Amino acid sequence: MKYIKNEPEHLVLEITGESHTICNILRKRLMAQDEVSAAAYDITHPLIGQPEFEVISSNPKKSLITASETVKNEANEFKEALTDAFNE
């Protein structure tokens, strides 16, 4: 990951090695936060492009951490539910 823009209320990151899957879920979780006014990403080339992720918020770094933790918790809950279902 590298910063493209790092301002107090506007952050743009290049997220190396990721795809629409993680970017889209992260965007959705960011937009669920009241302090986030915009969250978007773009992959300029479908085969070789790296996602550029943009967040506009009162504290975009904190918003990204919160959204990431939410995604992690949801993934763990899904894993537990799946494991329980397979063990029945």
C-alpha atoms as a PDB file:
ATOM      1  CA  MET A   1       0.000   0.000   0.000  1.00  0.00           C
ATOM      2  CA  LYS A   2       1.180   3.512  -0.688  1.00  0.00           C
ATOM      3  CA  TYR A   3      -0.213   6.984  -0.230  1.00  0.00           C
ATOM      4  CA  ILE A   4      -1.168   8.965  -3.286  1.00  0.00           C
ATOM      5  CA  LYS A   5      -2.809  11.730  -1.245  1.00  0.00           C
ATOM      6  CA  ASN A   6      -2.546  12.058   2.518  1.00  0.00           C
ATOM      7  CA  GLU A   7      -4.463  15.056   3.829  1.00  0.00           C
ATOM      8  CA  PRO A   8      -6.300  15.382   7.153  1.00  0.00           C
ATOM      9  CA  GLU A   9      -9.740  14.800   5.594  1.00  0.00           C
ATOM     10  CA  HIS A  10      -8.855  13.259   2.217  1.00  0.00           C
ATOM     11  CA  LEU A  11      -6.912  10.055   1.709  1.00  0.00           C
ATOM     12  CA  VAL A  12      -6.067   8.237  -1.515  1.00  0.00           C
ATOM     13  CA  LEU A  13      -4.236   4.912  -1.354  1.00  0.00           C
ATOM     14  CA  GLU A  14      -2.938   2.496  -3.940  1.00  0.00           C
ATOM     15  CA  ILE A  15      -3.765  -0.967  -2.657  1.00  0.00           C
ATOM     16  CA  THR A  16      -1.363  -3.379  -4.305  1.00  0.00           C
ATOM     17  CA  GLY A  17      -2.494  -6.915  -5.034  1.00  0.00           C
ATOM     18  CA  GLU A  18      -6.185  -6.480  -4.228  1.00  0.00           C
ATOM     19  CA  SER A  19      -9.262  -6.650  -6.421  1.00  0.00           C
ATOM     20  CA  HIS A  20     -12.867  -5.516  -6.567  1.00  0.00           C
ATOM     21  CA  THR A  21     -13.781  -8.039  -3.876  1.00  0.00           C
ATOM     22  CA  ILE A  22     -12.085  -6.397  -0.897  1.00  0.00           C
ATOM     23  CA  CYS A  23     -12.385  -2.859  -2.270  1.00  0.00           C
ATOM     24  CA  ASN A  24     -16.134  -3.074  -2.757  1.00  0.00           C
ATOM     25  CA  ILE A  25     -16.888  -4.495   0.693  1.00  0.00           C
ATOM     26  CA  LEU A  26     -14.561  -1.946   2.292  1.00  0.00           C
ATOM     27  CA  ARG A  27     -16.260   0.882   0.386  1.00  0.00           C
ATOM     28  CA  LYS A  28     -19.681  -0.276   1.567  1.00  0.00           C
ATOM     29  CA  ARG A  29     -18.577  -0.466   5.202  1.00  0.00           C
ATOM     30  CA  LEU A  30     -17.015   2.992   4.953  1.00  0.00           C
ATOM     31  CA  MET A  31     -20.183   4.503   3.530  1.00  0.00           C
ATOM     32  CA  ALA A  32     -22.137   3.098   6.485  1.00  0.00           C
ATOM     33  CA  GLN A  33     -20.195   5.427   8.793  1.00  0.00           C
ATOM     34  CA  ASP A  34     -21.761   8.832   9.478  1.00  0.00           C
ATOM     35  CA  GLU A  35     -18.455  10.729   9.381  1.00  0.00           C
ATOM     36  CA  VAL A  36     -17.566   9.439   5.886  1.00  0.00           C
ATOM     37  CA  SER A  37     -18.813  11.726   3.134  1.00  0.00           C
ATOM     38  CA  ALA A  38     -17.281   9.734   0.249  1.00  0.00           C
ATOM     39  CA  ALA A  39     -15.571   6.412  -0.333  1.00  0.00           C
ATOM     40  CA  ALA A  40     -14.727   5.073  -3.762  1.00  0.00           C
ATOM     41  CA  TYR A  41     -12.161   3.100  -5.664  1.00  0.00           C
ATOM     42  CA  ASP A  42     -11.035   2.721  -9.240  1.00  0.00           C
ATOM     43  CA  ILE A  43      -9.024   0.066 -11.031  1.00  0.00           C
ATOM     44  CA  THR A  44      -7.822   1.701 -14.236  1.00  0.00           C
ATOM     45  CA  HIS A  45      -6.843  -1.512 -16.034  1.00  0.00           C
ATOM     46  CA  PRO A  46      -8.769  -4.756 -15.420  1.00  0.00           C
ATOM     47  CA  LEU A  47      -5.706  -7.009 -15.739  1.00  0.00           C
ATOM     48  CA  ILE A  48      -2.720  -5.042 -14.474  1.00  0.00           C
ATOM     49  CA  GLY A  49      -4.208  -2.035 -12.684  1.00  0.00           C
ATOM     50  CA  GLN A  50      -3.892  -1.548  -8.940  1.00  0.00           C
ATOM     51  CA  PRO A  51      -6.906  -0.195  -7.038  1.00  0.00           C
ATOM     52  CA  GLU A  52      -6.805   3.454  -6.003  1.00  0.00           C
ATOM     53  CA  PHE A  53      -8.989   3.848  -2.943  1.00  0.00           C
ATOM     54  CA  GLU A  54     -10.272   7.284  -1.917  1.00  0.00           C
ATOM     55  CA  VAL A  55     -11.849   8.281   1.405  1.00  0.00           C
ATOM     56  CA  ILE A  56     -13.183  11.671   2.433  1.00  0.00           C
ATOM     57  CA  SER A  57     -13.939  11.831   6.138  1.00  0.00           C
ATOM     58  CA  SER A  58     -13.233  13.843   9.265  1.00  0.00           C
ATOM     59  CA  ASN A  59     -10.535  11.219   9.963  1.00  0.00           C
ATOM     60  CA  PRO A  60     -10.078   8.926   6.941  1.00  0.00           C
ATOM     61  CA  LYS A  61      -7.385   6.747   8.538  1.00  0.00           C
ATOM     62  CA  LYS A  62      -9.587   6.023  11.559  1.00  0.00           C
ATOM     63  CA  SER A  63     -12.551   5.396   9.256  1.00  0.00           C
ATOM     64  CA  LEU A  64     -10.540   2.872   7.232  1.00  0.00           C
ATOM     65  CA  ILE A  65      -9.394   1.064  10.366  1.00  0.00           C
ATOM     66  CA  THR A  66     -12.975   0.882  11.666  1.00  0.00           C
ATOM     67  CA  ALA A  67     -14.260  -0.413   8.320  1.00  0.00           C
ATOM     68  CA  SER A  68     -11.451  -2.981   8.150  1.00  0.00           C
ATOM     69  CA  GLU A  69     -12.247  -4.229  11.644  1.00  0.00           C
ATOM     70  CA  THR A  70     -15.923  -4.539  10.695  1.00  0.00           C
ATOM     71  CA  VAL A  71     -15.051  -6.590   7.600  1.00  0.00           C
ATOM     72  CA  LYS A  72     -12.741  -8.810   9.670  1.00  0.00           C
ATOM     73  CA  ASN A  73     -15.439  -9.420  12.290  1.00  0.00           C
ATOM     74  CA  GLU A  74     -18.020 -10.240   9.614  1.00  0.00           C
ATOM     75  CA  ALA A  75     -15.611 -12.689   7.963  1.00  0.00           C
ATOM     76  CA  ASN A  76     -14.942 -14.389  11.316  1.00  0.00           C
ATOM     77  CA  GLU A  77     -18.677 -14.670  12.024  1.00  0.00           C
ATOM     78  CA  PHE A  78     -19.222 -16.199   8.597  1.00  0.00           C
ATOM     79  CA  LYS A  79     -16.348 -18.647   9.152  1.00  0.00           C
ATOM     80  CA  GLU A  80     -17.793 -19.720  12.511  1.00  0.00           C
ATOM     81  CA  ALA A  81     -21.278 -20.181  11.041  1.00  0.00           C
ATOM     82  CA  LEU A  82     -19.854 -22.215   8.171  1.00  0.00           C
ATOM     83  CA  THR A  83     -17.763 -24.376  10.510  1.00  0.00           C
ATOM     84  CA  ASP A  84     -20.768 -24.979  12.755  1.00  0.00           C
ATOM     85  CA  ALA A  85     -22.938 -25.919   9.773  1.00  0.00           C
ATOM     86  CA  PHE A  86     -20.357 -28.396   8.494  1.00  0.00           C
ATOM     87  CA  ASN A  87     -19.980 -29.987  11.928  1.00  0.00           C
ATOM     88  CA  GLU A  88     -23.699 -30.690  12.352  1.00  0.00           C
END
